[in-house]
Amino acid sequence: MRFLSILLLGAVLSFGQETLNNEGIIKLVKAGMSEELIVNVIRQQPGIYVLGATELVALKEAGVSEKLIAAMLDKGKTPVAAAPASSASEGAKKSTTIPGNGLFYKKGAEYFELIQEEVEWKTSGAMRNIASAGIVKKDLNGTITGASSRNFLQNPMEIVIAPPSGLTINSYVLLPMKATKTDRAFNVGPVNKKSGLAKGAIAFGVEKVGEGQFRIVLPTPLGPGEYGILAVSPSDAASSAGKMYTFRILL
């Protein structure tokens, strides 16, 4: 079997050393080639991949595994394509510096804006039970429509928070989410007096990287899965708690 894989790899690589792209990887997957073989092809053959949020979702829907997507990200021939100006709210925005307030992740030398998603609170009176500075008064349950975030990140990841007016770095809570076929669920509760951590949240430290800008520092890398960062505003809790910054960690 290994000998056959080597022959197949040689055949693919000898085909004019053509530059692979997203469509080429999808064709290899649909042709039934093994994941290991395709990974080797990605690593050894020239490739220019467009890996914006929309393209990543399309790859996933076409049956391209997260291992293959991770290999394409590693290849890194081109940066993630910028979203068209007319649809900036639907795609990631990029910059070589932090362009303003919000949450951003770093890829190469560029920063890309994390997309926010609407939260549907399952606990009655959720907004009334969210206080200032990220403090929650009671256990709350929420969901976000869709089985996966459109923000795909890979370890080692770097997320920078630039709080807008009315928020501080202490206003943000990092939460794991449980994904189903239709949505992602999370829960968050009051701060534990001993640990100082909100119930259900993941602990993180921060490093100041600029005026009003803070890098998230994790004691250990996040495992593959769905995550969200919830912001709670002292002045307008309903507005901030109605949306969540989401992302998915690939293998």
Protein backbone atom coordinates (compact mmCIF):
# COMPACT_ATOMS: atom_id res chain seq x y z
CA MET A 1 0.00 0.00 0.00
CA ARG A 2 2.86 2.37 0.85
CA PHE A 3 4.53 1.56 -2.49
CA LEU A 4 1.28 2.36 -4.31
CA SER A 5 1.01 5.68 -2.44
CA ILE A 6 4.56 6.59 -3.47
CA LEU A 7 3.74 5.81 -7.12
CA LEU A 8 0.58 7.95 -6.94
CA LEU A 9 2.48 10.79 -5.32
CA GLY A 10 5.14 10.64 -8.04
CA ALA A 11 2.48 10.67 -10.73
CA VAL A 12 0.76 13.71 -9.27
CA LEU A 13 3.98 15.65 -8.71
CA SER A 14 5.28 14.88 -12.19
CA PHE A 15 2.19 16.34 -13.82
CA GLY A 16 3.89 19.51 -14.98
CA GLN A 17 4.44 20.71 -11.39
CA GLU A 18 1.30 22.78 -11.88
CA THR A 19 0.40 25.24 -9.15
CA LEU A 20 -2.38 23.83 -7.01
CA ASN A 21 -5.31 25.88 -5.74
CA ASN A 22 -8.51 25.30 -3.76
CA GLU A 23 -10.26 23.62 -6.70
CA GLY A 24 -7.29 21.31 -7.25
CA ILE A 25 -7.42 20.06 -3.66
CA ILE A 26 -11.17 19.46 -3.94
CA LYS A 27 -10.57 17.43 -7.13
CA LEU A 28 -7.96 15.28 -5.37
CA VAL A 29 -10.36 14.64 -2.49
CA LYS A 30 -13.25 13.73 -4.78
CA ALA A 31 -10.93 11.43 -6.76
CA GLY A 32 -10.61 9.33 -3.61
CA MET A 33 -6.94 9.94 -2.89
CA SER A 34 -5.87 9.34 0.70
CA GLU A 35 -5.49 12.19 3.17
CA GLU A 36 -1.80 11.34 3.70
CA LEU A 37 -1.09 11.46 -0.02
CA ILE A 38 -2.83 14.81 -0.50
CA VAL A 39 -0.94 16.29 2.47
CA ASN A 40 2.33 15.26 0.82
CA VAL A 41 1.21 16.83 -2.46
CA ILE A 42 0.35 20.11 -0.69
CA ARG A 43 3.74 20.18 1.02
CA GLN A 44 5.80 19.33 -2.07
CA GLN A 45 3.97 21.01 -4.95
CA PRO A 46 3.58 24.77 -5.57
CA GLY A 47 0.27 26.07 -4.32
CA ILE A 48 -1.65 29.32 -4.15
CA TYR A 49 -4.63 28.95 -1.83
CA VAL A 50 -7.34 31.48 -1.03
CA LEU A 51 -8.27 30.81 2.59
CA GLY A 52 -10.73 33.45 3.65
CA ALA A 53 -13.71 32.54 5.83
CA THR A 54 -15.99 31.92 2.84
CA GLU A 55 -13.43 29.72 1.08
CA LEU A 56 -12.75 27.68 4.24
CA VAL A 57 -16.44 26.93 4.64
CA ALA A 58 -16.65 25.93 0.96
CA LEU A 59 -13.68 23.57 1.37
CA LYS A 60 -15.25 21.97 4.40
CA GLU A 61 -18.58 21.50 2.60
CA ALA A 62 -16.73 19.87 -0.31
CA GLY A 63 -15.34 17.21 2.01
CA VAL A 64 -11.85 18.62 2.54
CA SER A 65 -10.75 17.55 6.03
CA GLU A 66 -9.41 19.92 8.68
CA LYS A 67 -6.03 18.18 8.42
CA LEU A 68 -5.84 19.11 4.73
CA ILE A 69 -7.02 22.66 5.41
CA ALA A 70 -4.32 22.97 8.08
CA ALA A 71 -1.71 21.81 5.54
CA MET A 72 -2.94 24.44 3.08
CA LEU A 73 -2.69 27.10 5.79
CA ASP A 74 0.86 25.96 6.57
CA LYS A 75 1.83 26.32 2.94
CA GLY A 76 1.06 30.00 3.30
CA LYS A 77 1.83 31.05 -0.27
CA THR A 78 -0.62 33.95 -0.11
CA PRO A 79 -2.36 35.80 2.73
CA VAL A 80 -6.06 35.37 3.31
CA ALA A 81 -7.95 37.34 0.69
CA ALA A 82 -9.55 40.54 1.88
CA ALA A 83 -13.33 40.69 1.80
CA PRO A 84 -14.84 42.96 -0.89
CA ALA A 85 -15.70 46.41 0.43
CA SER A 86 -19.39 45.82 -0.30
CA SER A 87 -19.49 42.75 1.94
CA ALA A 88 -16.99 43.71 4.64
CA SER A 89 -19.48 42.79 7.39
CA GLU A 90 -19.51 39.20 6.13
CA GLY A 91 -15.76 38.61 5.82
CA ALA A 92 -12.53 39.22 7.66
CA LYS A 93 -10.82 42.60 7.38
CA LYS A 94 -7.03 42.63 7.36
CA SER A 95 -4.30 45.08 8.26
CA THR A 96 -0.61 45.04 9.14
CA THR A 97 -1.52 47.00 12.29
CA ILE A 98 -4.53 46.91 14.59
CA PRO A 99 -6.95 49.10 12.59
CA GLY A 100 -9.25 50.10 15.44
CA ASN A 101 -11.41 48.73 18.21
CA GLY A 102 -12.55 45.12 18.31
CA LEU A 103 -10.97 41.67 18.32
CA PHE A 104 -8.32 40.63 15.80
CA TYR A 105 -6.28 37.52 15.09
CA LYS A 106 -2.81 37.53 13.59
CA LYS A 107 -1.75 35.53 10.54
CA GLY A 108 1.76 36.14 9.32
CA ALA A 109 2.38 39.88 9.66
CA GLU A 110 -1.29 40.86 9.23
CA TYR A 111 -4.25 41.25 11.57
CA PHE A 112 -7.72 40.07 10.60
CA GLU A 113 -10.94 41.10 12.30
CA LEU A 114 -12.90 38.36 14.09
CA ILE A 115 -16.49 38.09 12.94
CA GLN A 116 -19.26 38.56 15.51
CA GLU A 117 -22.40 36.41 15.63
CA GLU A 118 -25.82 36.93 17.21
CA VAL A 119 -26.44 35.21 20.56
CA GLU A 120 -29.82 33.66 21.32
CA TRP A 121 -30.16 33.54 25.10
CA LYS A 122 -32.03 30.49 26.41
CA THR A 123 -32.23 31.77 29.98
CA SER A 124 -35.06 34.20 30.65
CA GLY A 125 -33.95 37.64 31.76
CA ALA A 126 -30.40 37.01 30.55
CA MET A 127 -29.70 40.66 29.75
CA ARG A 128 -30.87 41.79 33.21
CA ASN A 129 -28.47 39.30 34.80
CA ILE A 130 -25.35 40.57 33.06
CA ALA A 131 -23.66 43.31 35.04
CA SER A 132 -20.64 45.52 34.37
CA ALA A 133 -17.04 44.46 33.77
CA GLY A 134 -17.93 41.00 32.50
CA ILE A 135 -19.65 39.94 35.72
CA VAL A 136 -22.62 37.59 35.38
CA LYS A 137 -25.21 37.49 38.17
CA LYS A 138 -26.59 33.97 37.53
CA ASP A 139 -26.04 30.89 35.36
CA LEU A 140 -26.95 31.72 31.76
CA ASN A 141 -27.27 29.52 28.67
CA GLY A 142 -27.01 30.74 25.09
CA THR A 143 -26.73 29.40 21.54
CA ILE A 144 -25.44 30.62 18.19
CA THR A 145 -26.95 29.39 14.94
CA GLY A 146 -24.73 27.16 12.81
CA ALA A 147 -22.49 24.20 13.58
CA SER A 148 -19.25 26.15 13.11
CA SER A 149 -17.79 29.63 13.28
CA ARG A 150 -16.56 31.11 10.00
CA ASN A 151 -13.37 32.26 11.75
CA PHE A 152 -10.84 29.41 11.35
CA LEU A 153 -7.72 29.71 13.52
CA GLN A 154 -4.72 27.45 13.96
CA ASN A 155 -2.31 27.01 16.88
CA PRO A 156 -0.19 28.82 17.79
CA MET A 157 -2.82 31.53 17.56
CA GLU A 158 -2.64 35.20 18.54
CA ILE A 159 -5.73 37.22 19.41
CA VAL A 160 -5.54 40.93 20.26
CA ILE A 161 -8.36 42.77 22.01
CA ALA A 162 -8.76 46.52 21.55
CA PRO A 163 -11.73 47.44 23.78
CA PRO A 164 -13.99 50.24 22.54
CA SER A 165 -15.16 53.08 24.77
CA GLY A 166 -17.17 51.75 27.71
CA LEU A 167 -15.33 48.42 27.82
CA THR A 168 -12.12 47.30 29.50
CA ILE A 169 -10.02 44.17 28.99
CA ASN A 170 -11.78 42.77 32.08
CA SER A 171 -15.08 42.90 30.19
CA TYR A 172 -14.20 39.88 28.03
CA VAL A 173 -14.90 36.23 28.83
CA LEU A 174 -13.49 33.31 26.81
CA LEU A 175 -15.93 30.39 26.59
CA PRO A 176 -15.87 26.90 25.06
CA MET A 177 -18.90 25.94 22.97
CA LYS A 178 -20.52 22.59 22.28
CA ALA A 179 -21.38 22.16 18.61
CA THR A 180 -24.33 20.22 17.20
CA LYS A 181 -25.52 19.89 13.61
CA THR A 182 -27.55 23.09 13.92
CA ASP A 183 -25.94 25.34 16.51
CA ARG A 184 -23.29 25.95 19.16
CA ALA A 185 -24.25 26.12 22.82
CA PHE A 186 -22.44 27.69 25.77
CA ASN A 187 -23.05 28.55 29.40
CA VAL A 188 -21.56 31.15 31.70
CA GLY A 189 -22.10 31.92 35.36
CA PRO A 190 -20.99 34.12 38.27
CA VAL A 191 -17.33 34.61 39.14
CA ASN A 192 -15.82 32.08 41.54
CA LYS A 193 -14.57 34.01 44.55
CA LYS A 194 -11.52 31.76 44.96
CA SER A 195 -10.37 31.57 41.36
CA GLY A 196 -11.69 34.94 40.18
CA LEU A 197 -12.92 33.17 37.02
CA ALA A 198 -16.47 33.22 35.67
CA LYS A 199 -18.21 29.85 35.75
CA GLY A 200 -17.69 27.95 32.49
CA ALA A 201 -14.98 30.35 31.28
CA ILE A 202 -11.41 29.60 30.22
CA ALA A 203 -8.68 31.43 32.12
CA PHE A 204 -6.35 33.68 30.15
CA GLY A 205 -3.78 36.36 30.88
CA VAL A 206 -3.03 39.48 28.86
CA GLU A 207 -0.01 41.40 27.58
CA LYS A 208 -0.29 45.07 26.65
CA VAL A 209 0.95 45.44 23.07
CA GLY A 210 -0.16 49.01 22.39
CA GLU A 211 -2.28 51.85 23.69
CA GLY A 212 -5.54 50.16 24.69
CA GLN A 213 -4.50 46.90 22.98
CA PHE A 214 -4.02 43.56 24.73
CA ARG A 215 -2.82 40.16 23.53
CA ILE A 216 -4.53 37.08 25.00
CA VAL A 217 -2.05 34.77 26.74
CA LEU A 218 -3.16 31.18 27.37
CA PRO A 219 -1.39 28.82 29.82
CA THR A 220 -1.87 25.98 27.31
CA PRO A 221 -3.03 26.05 23.65
CA LEU A 222 -6.74 25.58 23.04
CA GLY A 223 -7.70 22.18 21.68
CA PRO A 224 -9.61 21.73 18.40
CA GLY A 225 -13.19 22.93 18.71
CA GLU A 226 -15.54 25.92 18.88
CA TYR A 227 -14.96 28.95 21.12
CA GLY A 228 -16.45 32.37 21.73
CA ILE A 229 -15.44 35.62 23.42
CA LEU A 230 -18.30 37.46 25.08
CA ALA A 231 -18.04 41.17 25.81
CA VAL A 232 -20.11 42.79 28.55
CA SER A 233 -20.49 46.55 28.63
CA PRO A 234 -20.99 48.58 31.84
CA SER A 235 -23.05 51.16 29.96
CA ASP A 236 -24.96 49.03 27.47
CA ALA A 237 -24.99 45.38 28.54
CA ALA A 238 -27.82 44.42 26.20
CA SER A 239 -25.93 45.61 23.13
CA SER A 240 -22.61 43.93 23.96
CA ALA A 241 -24.07 40.68 25.28
CA GLY A 242 -26.26 40.29 22.20
CA LYS A 243 -23.27 39.29 20.07
CA MET A 244 -20.21 37.07 20.49
CA TYR A 245 -16.84 36.90 18.75
CA THR A 246 -16.49 33.29 17.61
CA PHE A 247 -13.72 31.13 16.20
CA ARG A 248 -12.87 27.53 15.49
CA ILE A 249 -9.52 25.96 16.28
CA LEU A 250 -8.42 23.52 13.57
CA LEU A 251 -6.27 20.45 14.17
